[in-house]
Amino acid sequence: MSIGNSPEDERPFEDDREEARISVGRALKQARIAAGLTVDDVSNATRVRIAIVHAIEADDFAPCGGDVYARGHIRTLAKAVRLDPAPLLAQYDADHGGRPAPTPAAPLFEAERIRPERRGPNWTAAMVAAIVAVIGFVGFTAFKGGDEGAKTPVAEGASPSAGKSASPTPKSEKPESPKPDPSDSAIAAAPQDKVTVKVSAPDGKSWISAKDHNGRLLYDGLLQQGESKTFQDSEKINLVLGDAGAIQLYVNGKKIDDDWAPGAVERLTYTKGDPQVG
């Protein structure tokens, strides 16, 4: 007679542990089914592509494009199926090496500080150099004209002609006023009868999606650092930003100064009357 648990007695305990630690994707799928929603319903509500929803529910996070985007999608899908995203994010971090480190604030501040210094030439120095050149030219011309008038012989008994003896007075040339650099608002300016949205990624890359007022997809892809995209429609532009902290927006010629956190997923709609969010 053996003492202790038999293999049959241990199986329920192992099954209970397996059920207690449900995967992130399976938890999202079960919650979606319990809510009576299809994958198409979740995709339309969250603007997350159908292929990515299927992949996440299968615990395949590679199509998300990185941990920052994967965490954003998990948070968005959890809210859509009425789940608390915090436990799912904690489980995802535990399975994938911990939460990604936030972007340091110092490099972002330094890049923002030095950017205006590289927008154009030093017009003050150029104006000073032009004025000095004009003054030097005037002085040299006057000196040369006076020297030639002193050496011109005059016939005896003849009076010098007033028109010929007078040295020509050079005309002072004024330097052209320098043209100011175009401002950010001028670059992003747009007709008043349309809505124009310019999306730039000056400090990092971000996945973005843009649709017009009919729901037609204008762009869906990864915006690399330094790139920008401009979208225009007669009524409105719908945006989804995968990493809103890396994005700078210009709406109808005006800069949007919202302070989005790095890694935050934002869904925005802009119309002809904005820069306020529609």
C-alpha atoms as a PDB file:
ATOM      1  CA  MET A   1       0.000   0.000   0.000  1.00  0.00           C
ATOM      2  CA  SER A   2       1.546   3.346  -1.109  1.00  0.00           C
ATOM      3  CA  ILE A   3       1.468   6.499   0.950  1.00  0.00           C
ATOM      4  CA  GLY A   4       0.954   9.947  -0.676  1.00  0.00           C
ATOM      5  CA  ASN A   5      -0.792  11.194  -3.766  1.00  0.00           C
ATOM      6  CA  SER A   6      -1.087   9.002  -6.792  1.00  0.00           C
ATOM      7  CA  PRO A   7      -0.513  10.438 -10.351  1.00  0.00           C
ATOM      8  CA  GLU A   8      -4.263  10.578 -10.757  1.00  0.00           C
ATOM      9  CA  ASP A   9      -4.589  12.703  -7.618  1.00  0.00           C
ATOM     10  CA  GLU A  10      -1.957  15.181  -8.895  1.00  0.00           C
ATOM     11  CA  ARG A  11      -3.617  15.821 -12.267  1.00  0.00           C
ATOM     12  CA  PRO A  12      -6.437  18.083 -10.996  1.00  0.00           C
ATOM     13  CA  PHE A  13      -3.839  20.164  -9.156  1.00  0.00           C
ATOM     14  CA  GLU A  14      -1.818  20.640 -12.367  1.00  0.00           C
ATOM     15  CA  ASP A  15      -4.963  21.471 -14.333  1.00  0.00           C
ATOM     16  CA  ASP A  16      -5.934  24.084 -11.722  1.00  0.00           C
ATOM     17  CA  ARG A  17      -2.520  25.746 -12.042  1.00  0.00           C
ATOM     18  CA  GLU A  18      -2.807  25.773 -15.838  1.00  0.00           C
ATOM     19  CA  GLU A  19      -6.246  27.377 -15.671  1.00  0.00           C
ATOM     20  CA  ALA A  20      -5.110  29.910 -13.054  1.00  0.00           C
ATOM     21  CA  ARG A  21      -2.369  31.262 -15.353  1.00  0.00           C
ATOM     22  CA  ILE A  22      -4.293  32.015 -18.520  1.00  0.00           C
ATOM     23  CA  SER A  23      -2.294  33.723 -21.289  1.00  0.00           C
ATOM     24  CA  VAL A  24      -2.826  37.333 -22.273  1.00  0.00           C
ATOM     25  CA  GLY A  25      -4.162  36.485 -25.717  1.00  0.00           C
ATOM     26  CA  ARG A  26      -6.513  33.799 -24.414  1.00  0.00           C
ATOM     27  CA  ALA A  27      -7.873  36.156 -21.732  1.00  0.00           C
ATOM     28  CA  LEU A  28      -8.640  38.797 -24.373  1.00  0.00           C
ATOM     29  CA  LYS A  29     -10.290  36.245 -26.658  1.00  0.00           C
ATOM     30  CA  GLN A  30     -12.472  34.779 -23.894  1.00  0.00           C
ATOM     31  CA  ALA A  31     -13.554  38.260 -22.784  1.00  0.00           C
ATOM     32  CA  ARG A  32     -14.414  39.202 -26.371  1.00  0.00           C
ATOM     33  CA  ILE A  33     -16.528  36.078 -26.840  1.00  0.00           C
ATOM     34  CA  ALA A  34     -18.225  36.627 -23.471  1.00  0.00           C
ATOM     35  CA  ALA A  35     -19.085  40.175 -24.553  1.00  0.00           C
ATOM     36  CA  GLY A  36     -20.685  38.858 -27.748  1.00  0.00           C
ATOM     37  CA  LEU A  37     -18.215  40.676 -30.004  1.00  0.00           C
ATOM     38  CA  THR A  38     -16.530  39.487 -33.194  1.00  0.00           C
ATOM     39  CA  VAL A  39     -12.981  40.282 -34.246  1.00  0.00           C
ATOM     40  CA  ASP A  40     -14.436  42.707 -36.821  1.00  0.00           C
ATOM     41  CA  ASP A  41     -16.398  44.467 -34.053  1.00  0.00           C
ATOM     42  CA  VAL A  42     -13.270  44.896 -31.920  1.00  0.00           C
ATOM     43  CA  SER A  43     -11.196  46.055 -34.911  1.00  0.00           C
ATOM     44  CA  ASN A  44     -13.772  48.695 -35.898  1.00  0.00           C
ATOM     45  CA  ALA A  45     -14.089  49.943 -32.317  1.00  0.00           C
ATOM     46  CA  THR A  46     -10.342  50.173 -31.614  1.00  0.00           C
ATOM     47  CA  ARG A  47      -8.910  50.863 -35.100  1.00  0.00           C
ATOM     48  CA  VAL A  48      -6.517  47.922 -34.511  1.00  0.00           C
ATOM     49  CA  ARG A  49      -6.157  45.873 -37.694  1.00  0.00           C
ATOM     50  CA  ILE A  50      -7.927  42.514 -37.858  1.00  0.00           C
ATOM     51  CA  ALA A  51      -4.666  40.638 -38.494  1.00  0.00           C
ATOM     52  CA  ILE A  52      -3.114  42.133 -35.356  1.00  0.00           C
ATOM     53  CA  VAL A  53      -6.191  41.263 -33.238  1.00  0.00           C
ATOM     54  CA  HIS A  54      -5.996  37.619 -34.407  1.00  0.00           C
ATOM     55  CA  ALA A  55      -2.244  37.531 -33.719  1.00  0.00           C
ATOM     56  CA  ILE A  56      -2.573  38.943 -30.191  1.00  0.00           C
ATOM     57  CA  GLU A  57      -5.367  36.509 -29.320  1.00  0.00           C
ATOM     58  CA  ALA A  58      -2.961  33.744 -30.419  1.00  0.00           C
ATOM     59  CA  ASP A  59      -0.225  35.253 -28.162  1.00  0.00           C
ATOM     60  CA  ASP A  60       1.807  36.283 -31.211  1.00  0.00           C
ATOM     61  CA  PHE A  61       2.983  39.863 -30.582  1.00  0.00           C
ATOM     62  CA  ALA A  62       5.522  40.086 -33.410  1.00  0.00           C
ATOM     63  CA  PRO A  63       3.131  41.943 -35.820  1.00  0.00           C
ATOM     64  CA  CYS A  64       2.780  44.721 -33.225  1.00  0.00           C
ATOM     65  CA  GLY A  65       6.257  46.006 -34.065  1.00  0.00           C
ATOM     66  CA  GLY A  66       7.758  46.048 -30.563  1.00  0.00           C
ATOM     67  CA  ASP A  67       6.922  45.971 -26.850  1.00  0.00           C
ATOM     68  CA  VAL A  68       5.727  49.596 -26.756  1.00  0.00           C
ATOM     69  CA  TYR A  69       3.143  49.005 -29.496  1.00  0.00           C
ATOM     70  CA  ALA A  70       2.178  45.578 -28.104  1.00  0.00           C
ATOM     71  CA  ARG A  71       1.434  47.103 -24.689  1.00  0.00           C
ATOM     72  CA  GLY A  72      -0.622  49.841 -26.325  1.00  0.00           C
ATOM     73  CA  HIS A  73      -2.675  47.288 -28.294  1.00  0.00           C
ATOM     74  CA  ILE A  74      -3.228  45.128 -25.190  1.00  0.00           C
ATOM     75  CA  ARG A  75      -4.497  48.155 -23.258  1.00  0.00           C
ATOM     76  CA  THR A  76      -6.804  49.169 -26.110  1.00  0.00           C
ATOM     77  CA  LEU A  77      -8.251  45.690 -26.689  1.00  0.00           C
ATOM     78  CA  ALA A  78      -8.765  45.115 -22.950  1.00  0.00           C
ATOM     79  CA  LYS A  79     -10.844  48.263 -22.641  1.00  0.00           C
ATOM     80  CA  ALA A  80     -12.892  47.282 -25.698  1.00  0.00           C
ATOM     81  CA  VAL A  81     -13.853  43.908 -24.162  1.00  0.00           C
ATOM     82  CA  ARG A  82     -14.348  45.427 -20.667  1.00  0.00           C
ATOM     83  CA  LEU A  83     -11.222  43.980 -18.998  1.00  0.00           C
ATOM     84  CA  ASP A  84      -8.849  45.691 -16.594  1.00  0.00           C
ATOM     85  CA  PRO A  85      -5.673  46.136 -18.659  1.00  0.00           C
ATOM     86  CA  ALA A  86      -3.310  46.387 -15.652  1.00  0.00           C
ATOM     87  CA  PRO A  87      -3.064  42.607 -14.855  1.00  0.00           C
ATOM     88  CA  LEU A  88      -2.670  41.766 -18.551  1.00  0.00           C
ATOM     89  CA  LEU A  89       0.121  44.338 -18.965  1.00  0.00           C
ATOM     90  CA  ALA A  90       1.864  43.021 -15.862  1.00  0.00           C
ATOM     91  CA  GLN A  91       1.666  39.466 -17.187  1.00  0.00           C
ATOM     92  CA  TYR A  92       2.956  40.594 -20.607  1.00  0.00           C
ATOM     93  CA  ASP A  93       5.896  42.385 -18.967  1.00  0.00           C
ATOM     94  CA  ALA A  94       6.708  39.300 -16.903  1.00  0.00           C
ATOM     95  CA  ASP A  95       6.672  37.075 -20.004  1.00  0.00           C
ATOM     96  CA  HIS A  96       8.758  39.489 -22.132  1.00  0.00           C
ATOM     97  CA  GLY A  97      11.535  40.665 -19.843  1.00  0.00           C
ATOM     98  CA  GLY A  98       9.870  43.521 -17.979  1.00  0.00           C
ATOM     99  CA  ARG A  99       8.364  46.848 -18.893  1.00  0.00           C
ATOM    100  CA  PRO A 100      10.318  48.845 -21.519  1.00  0.00           C
ATOM    101  CA  ALA A 101      12.343  51.742 -20.146  1.00  0.00           C
ATOM    102  CA  PRO A 102      10.829  55.202 -20.812  1.00  0.00           C
ATOM    103  CA  THR A 103      12.555  57.543 -23.220  1.00  0.00           C
ATOM    104  CA  PRO A 104      15.012  59.793 -21.297  1.00  0.00           C
ATOM    105  CA  ALA A 105      13.763  63.354 -20.974  1.00  0.00           C
ATOM    106  CA  ALA A 106      17.167  65.032 -21.356  1.00  0.00           C
ATOM    107  CA  PRO A 107      17.848  64.028 -25.015  1.00  0.00           C
ATOM    108  CA  LEU A 108      14.345  65.101 -26.033  1.00  0.00           C
ATOM    109  CA  PHE A 109      14.763  68.465 -24.315  1.00  0.00           C
ATOM    110  CA  GLU A 110      18.219  68.974 -25.831  1.00  0.00           C
ATOM    111  CA  ALA A 111      16.976  68.146 -29.330  1.00  0.00           C
ATOM    112  CA  GLU A 112      14.092  70.589 -28.928  1.00  0.00           C
ATOM    113  CA  ARG A 113      16.436  73.294 -27.611  1.00  0.00           C
ATOM    114  CA  ILE A 114      18.947  73.179 -30.462  1.00  0.00           C
ATOM    115  CA  ARG A 115      16.438  72.744 -33.288  1.00  0.00           C
ATOM    116  CA  PRO A 116      15.661  76.486 -33.800  1.00  0.00           C
ATOM    117  CA  GLU A 117      19.408  77.250 -34.118  1.00  0.00           C
ATOM    118  CA  ARG A 118      19.625  75.243 -37.358  1.00  0.00           C
ATOM    119  CA  ARG A 119      16.632  76.714 -39.191  1.00  0.00           C
ATOM    120  CA  GLY A 120      18.495  79.258 -41.267  1.00  0.00           C
ATOM    121  CA  PRO A 121      21.540  81.494 -41.720  1.00  0.00           C
ATOM    122  CA  ASN A 122      22.497  84.375 -39.429  1.00  0.00           C
ATOM    123  CA  TRP A 123      20.756  87.240 -41.221  1.00  0.00           C
ATOM    124  CA  THR A 124      22.120  89.876 -38.816  1.00  0.00           C
ATOM    125  CA  ALA A 125      25.717  89.053 -39.728  1.00  0.00           C
ATOM    126  CA  ALA A 126      24.805  88.997 -43.431  1.00  0.00           C
ATOM    127  CA  MET A 127      23.218  92.473 -43.224  1.00  0.00           C
ATOM    128  CA  VAL A 128      26.252  93.933 -41.411  1.00  0.00           C
ATOM    129  CA  ALA A 129      28.615  92.480 -44.026  1.00  0.00           C
ATOM    130  CA  ALA A 130      26.484  93.905 -46.878  1.00  0.00           C
ATOM    131  CA  ILE A 131      26.407  97.399 -45.313  1.00  0.00           C
ATOM    132  CA  VAL A 132      30.199  97.376 -44.809  1.00  0.00           C
ATOM    133  CA  ALA A 133      30.677  96.310 -48.450  1.00  0.00           C
ATOM    134  CA  VAL A 134      28.442  99.147 -49.713  1.00  0.00           C
ATOM    135  CA  ILE A 135      30.253 101.780 -47.602  1.00  0.00           C
ATOM    136  CA  GLY A 136      33.625 100.542 -48.830  1.00  0.00           C
ATOM    137  CA  PHE A 137      32.461 100.645 -52.462  1.00  0.00           C
ATOM    138  CA  VAL A 138      31.151 104.217 -52.088  1.00  0.00           C
ATOM    139  CA  GLY A 139      34.378 105.418 -50.484  1.00  0.00           C
ATOM    140  CA  PHE A 140      36.575 103.759 -53.077  1.00  0.00           C
ATOM    141  CA  THR A 141      34.541 105.202 -55.984  1.00  0.00           C
ATOM    142  CA  ALA A 142      34.626 108.745 -54.548  1.00  0.00           C
ATOM    143  CA  PHE A 143      38.381 108.576 -53.953  1.00  0.00           C
ATOM    144  CA  LYS A 144      39.081 107.244 -57.449  1.00  0.00           C
ATOM    145  CA  GLY A 145      36.862 109.905 -59.104  1.00  0.00           C
ATOM    146  CA  GLY A 146      38.597 112.758 -57.227  1.00  0.00           C
ATOM    147  CA  ASP A 147      42.054 111.492 -58.194  1.00  0.00           C
ATOM    148  CA  GLU A 148      41.185 111.325 -61.909  1.00  0.00           C
ATOM    149  CA  GLY A 149      39.699 114.880 -61.846  1.00  0.00           C
ATOM    150  CA  ALA A 150      42.940 116.301 -60.404  1.00  0.00           C
ATOM    151  CA  LYS A 151      45.049 114.766 -63.210  1.00  0.00           C
ATOM    152  CA  THR A 152      42.892 115.998 -66.117  1.00  0.00           C
ATOM    153  CA  PRO A 153      44.737 118.867 -67.977  1.00  0.00           C
ATOM    154  CA  VAL A 154      42.821 122.058 -68.841  1.00  0.00           C
ATOM    155  CA  ALA A 155      43.718 124.049 -71.996  1.00  0.00           C
ATOM    156  CA  GLU A 156      45.013 127.600 -71.417  1.00  0.00           C
ATOM    157  CA  GLY A 157      42.248 130.198 -71.710  1.00  0.00           C
ATOM    158  CA  ALA A 158      39.548 127.565 -71.660  1.00  0.00           C
ATOM    159  CA  SER A 159      37.206 127.059 -68.766  1.00  0.00           C
ATOM    160  CA  PRO A 160      36.619 123.498 -67.726  1.00  0.00           C
ATOM    161  CA  SER A 161      33.184 122.113 -68.470  1.00  0.00           C
ATOM    162  CA  ALA A 162      31.080 121.748 -65.388  1.00  0.00           C
ATOM    163  CA  GLY A 163      29.563 118.554 -66.697  1.00  0.00           C
ATOM    164  CA  LYS A 164      32.890 116.857 -67.369  1.00  0.00           C
ATOM    165  CA  SER A 165      34.826 118.025 -64.321  1.00  0.00           C
ATOM    166  CA  ALA A 166      32.255 116.890 -61.816  1.00  0.00           C
ATOM    167  CA  SER A 167      32.843 113.340 -60.725  1.00  0.00           C
ATOM    168  CA  PRO A 168      29.776 111.141 -60.851  1.00  0.00           C
ATOM    169  CA  THR A 169      28.160 110.526 -57.532  1.00  0.00           C
ATOM    170  CA  PRO A 170      27.724 106.809 -57.011  1.00  0.00           C
ATOM    171  CA  LYS A 171      24.341 105.608 -55.979  1.00  0.00           C
ATOM    172  CA  SER A 172      24.178 103.953 -52.617  1.00  0.00           C
ATOM    173  CA  GLU A 173      22.876 100.472 -52.828  1.00  0.00           C
ATOM    174  CA  LYS A 174      20.730  99.178 -50.053  1.00  0.00           C
ATOM    175  CA  PRO A 175      21.000  95.490 -49.220  1.00  0.00           C
ATOM    176  CA  GLU A 176      17.879  93.502 -49.754  1.00  0.00           C
ATOM    177  CA  SER A 177      15.972  92.718 -46.627  1.00  0.00           C
ATOM    178  CA  PRO A 178      16.480  89.084 -45.736  1.00  0.00           C
ATOM    179  CA  LYS A 179      13.483  86.869 -46.091  1.00  0.00           C
ATOM    180  CA  PRO A 180      12.495  85.189 -42.856  1.00  0.00           C
ATOM    181  CA  ASP A 181      12.447  81.458 -42.656  1.00  0.00           C
ATOM    182  CA  PRO A 182       9.042  79.902 -43.145  1.00  0.00           C
ATOM    183  CA  SER A 183       7.478  79.071 -39.812  1.00  0.00           C
ATOM    184  CA  ASP A 184       5.991  75.745 -38.892  1.00  0.00           C
ATOM    185  CA  SER A 185       2.507  77.206 -39.296  1.00  0.00           C
ATOM    186  CA  ALA A 186       3.292  78.385 -42.828  1.00  0.00           C
ATOM    187  CA  ILE A 187       4.595  74.942 -43.744  1.00  0.00           C
ATOM    188  CA  ALA A 188       1.428  73.308 -42.449  1.00  0.00           C
ATOM    189  CA  ALA A 189      -0.961  75.969 -43.908  1.00  0.00           C
ATOM    190  CA  ALA A 190      -3.980  74.644 -45.786  1.00  0.00           C
ATOM    191  CA  PRO A 191      -7.118  75.916 -47.583  1.00  0.00           C
ATOM    192  CA  GLN A 192      -9.968  76.900 -45.278  1.00  0.00           C
ATOM    193  CA  ASP A 193     -12.486  74.733 -47.139  1.00  0.00           C
ATOM    194  CA  LYS A 194     -10.572  71.548 -46.254  1.00  0.00           C
ATOM    195  CA  VAL A 195      -9.002  69.906 -43.217  1.00  0.00           C
ATOM    196  CA  THR A 196      -5.243  69.358 -43.478  1.00  0.00           C
ATOM    197  CA  VAL A 197      -3.232  67.310 -40.971  1.00  0.00           C
ATOM    198  CA  LYS A 198       0.558  67.008 -41.035  1.00  0.00           C
ATOM    199  CA  VAL A 199       2.070  64.182 -38.925  1.00  0.00           C
ATOM    200  CA  SER A 200       5.814  64.376 -38.147  1.00  0.00           C
ATOM    201  CA  ALA A 201       8.107  62.087 -36.144  1.00  0.00           C
ATOM    202  CA  PRO A 202      11.033  64.362 -35.130  1.00  0.00           C
ATOM    203  CA  ASP A 203      12.147  62.424 -32.034  1.00  0.00           C
ATOM    204  CA  GLY A 204      11.396  58.750 -32.816  1.00  0.00           C
ATOM    205  CA  LYS A 205       9.411  56.362 -34.960  1.00  0.00           C
ATOM    206  CA  SER A 206       5.720  55.538 -34.574  1.00  0.00           C
ATOM    207  CA  TRP A 207       3.069  53.461 -36.304  1.00  0.00           C
ATOM    208  CA  ILE A 208       0.219  55.655 -37.609  1.00  0.00           C
ATOM    209  CA  SER A 209      -3.076  55.138 -39.404  1.00  0.00           C
ATOM    210  CA  ALA A 210      -5.141  57.800 -41.200  1.00  0.00           C
ATOM    211  CA  LYS A 211      -8.659  57.625 -42.711  1.00  0.00           C
ATOM    212  CA  ASP A 212     -10.902  60.159 -44.459  1.00  0.00           C
ATOM    213  CA  HIS A 213     -14.519  60.978 -43.549  1.00  0.00           C
ATOM    214  CA  ASN A 214     -15.764  57.982 -45.577  1.00  0.00           C
ATOM    215  CA  GLY A 215     -13.555  55.582 -43.623  1.00  0.00           C
ATOM    216  CA  ARG A 216     -11.223  55.111 -46.588  1.00  0.00           C
ATOM    217  CA  LEU A 217      -7.688  54.239 -45.459  1.00  0.00           C
ATOM    218  CA  LEU A 218      -5.230  56.968 -46.454  1.00  0.00           C
ATOM    219  CA  TYR A 219      -2.138  55.523 -44.755  1.00  0.00           C
ATOM    220  CA  ASP A 220      -1.277  52.623 -42.461  1.00  0.00           C
ATOM    221  CA  GLY A 221       2.362  52.037 -41.606  1.00  0.00           C
ATOM    222  CA  LEU A 222       5.455  52.916 -39.602  1.00  0.00           C
ATOM    223  CA  LEU A 223       6.613  56.550 -39.705  1.00  0.00           C
ATOM    224  CA  GLN A 224      10.404  56.585 -39.281  1.00  0.00           C
ATOM    225  CA  GLN A 225      12.237  59.260 -37.281  1.00  0.00           C
ATOM    226  CA  GLY A 226      12.530  62.471 -39.301  1.00  0.00           C
ATOM    227  CA  GLU A 227       9.697  61.539 -41.702  1.00  0.00           C
ATOM    228  CA  SER A 228       6.351  63.301 -42.058  1.00  0.00           C
ATOM    229  CA  LYS A 229       3.027  62.666 -43.788  1.00  0.00           C
ATOM    230  CA  THR A 230       0.307  65.159 -44.785  1.00  0.00           C
ATOM    231  CA  PHE A 231      -3.347  64.171 -45.139  1.00  0.00           C
ATOM    232  CA  GLN A 232      -6.229  66.283 -46.516  1.00  0.00           C
ATOM    233  CA  ASP A 233      -9.980  65.774 -46.742  1.00  0.00           C
ATOM    234  CA  SER A 234     -13.058  67.895 -47.373  1.00  0.00           C
ATOM    235  CA  GLU A 235     -14.628  67.120 -43.953  1.00  0.00           C
ATOM    236  CA  LYS A 236     -12.432  65.300 -41.420  1.00  0.00           C
ATOM    237  CA  ILE A 237      -9.327  63.168 -40.829  1.00  0.00           C
ATOM    238  CA  ASN A 238      -9.322  60.239 -38.380  1.00  0.00           C
ATOM    239  CA  LEU A 239      -5.908  59.371 -36.874  1.00  0.00           C
ATOM    240  CA  VAL A 240      -4.508  56.550 -34.753  1.00  0.00           C
ATOM    241  CA  LEU A 241      -1.038  57.118 -33.265  1.00  0.00           C
ATOM    242  CA  GLY A 242       0.814  54.043 -31.996  1.00  0.00           C
ATOM    243  CA  ASP A 243       3.361  56.122 -30.033  1.00  0.00           C
ATOM    244  CA  ALA A 244       1.848  59.581 -29.587  1.00  0.00           C
ATOM    245  CA  GLY A 245       4.843  60.785 -27.562  1.00  0.00           C
ATOM    246  CA  ALA A 246       7.043  60.635 -30.688  1.00  0.00           C
ATOM    247  CA  ILE A 247       4.579  62.559 -32.890  1.00  0.00           C
ATOM    248  CA  GLN A 248       4.214  66.296 -33.656  1.00  0.00           C
ATOM    249  CA  LEU A 249       0.920  67.394 -35.285  1.00  0.00           C
ATOM    250  CA  TYR A 250       0.036  70.439 -37.399  1.00  0.00           C
ATOM    251  CA  VAL A 251      -3.712  70.855 -37.988  1.00  0.00           C
ATOM    252  CA  ASN A 252      -5.002  73.445 -40.474  1.00  0.00           C
ATOM    253  CA  GLY A 253      -1.713  75.360 -40.261  1.00  0.00           C
ATOM    254  CA  LYS A 254      -1.464  75.342 -36.439  1.00  0.00           C
ATOM    255  CA  LYS A 255       0.773  73.286 -34.176  1.00  0.00           C
ATOM    256  CA  ILE A 256      -0.928  70.956 -31.672  1.00  0.00           C
ATOM    257  CA  ASP A 257       0.869  71.227 -28.319  1.00  0.00           C
ATOM    258  CA  ASP A 258      -0.709  68.231 -26.524  1.00  0.00           C
ATOM    259  CA  ASP A 259       1.785  66.575 -24.135  1.00  0.00           C
ATOM    260  CA  TRP A 260       1.341  62.892 -25.016  1.00  0.00           C
ATOM    261  CA  ALA A 261       3.256  60.320 -23.022  1.00  0.00           C
ATOM    262  CA  PRO A 262       5.798  58.067 -24.814  1.00  0.00           C
ATOM    263  CA  GLY A 263       4.173  54.808 -25.885  1.00  0.00           C
ATOM    264  CA  ALA A 264       0.604  56.141 -25.522  1.00  0.00           C
ATOM    265  CA  VAL A 265      -1.904  55.119 -28.210  1.00  0.00           C
ATOM    266  CA  GLU A 266      -4.101  58.065 -29.254  1.00  0.00           C
ATOM    267  CA  ARG A 267      -7.193  58.153 -31.485  1.00  0.00           C
ATOM    268  CA  LEU A 268      -7.930  61.619 -32.851  1.00  0.00           C
ATOM    269  CA  THR A 269     -10.396  63.264 -35.243  1.00  0.00           C
ATOM    270  CA  TYR A 270      -9.846  66.693 -36.788  1.00  0.00           C
ATOM    271  CA  THR A 271     -12.227  68.822 -38.861  1.00  0.00           C
ATOM    272  CA  LYS A 272     -12.080  72.127 -40.766  1.00  0.00           C
ATOM    273  CA  GLY A 273     -12.819  74.111 -37.593  1.00  0.00           C
ATOM    274  CA  ASP A 274      -9.940  72.679 -35.565  1.00  0.00           C
ATOM    275  CA  PRO A 275      -7.052  72.774 -34.111  1.00  0.00           C
ATOM    276  CA  GLN A 276      -9.339  71.648 -31.316  1.00  0.00           C
ATOM    277  CA  VAL A 277      -9.919  67.884 -31.399  1.00  0.00           C
ATOM    278  CA  GLY A 278     -13.149  67.063 -33.160  1.00  0.00           C
END
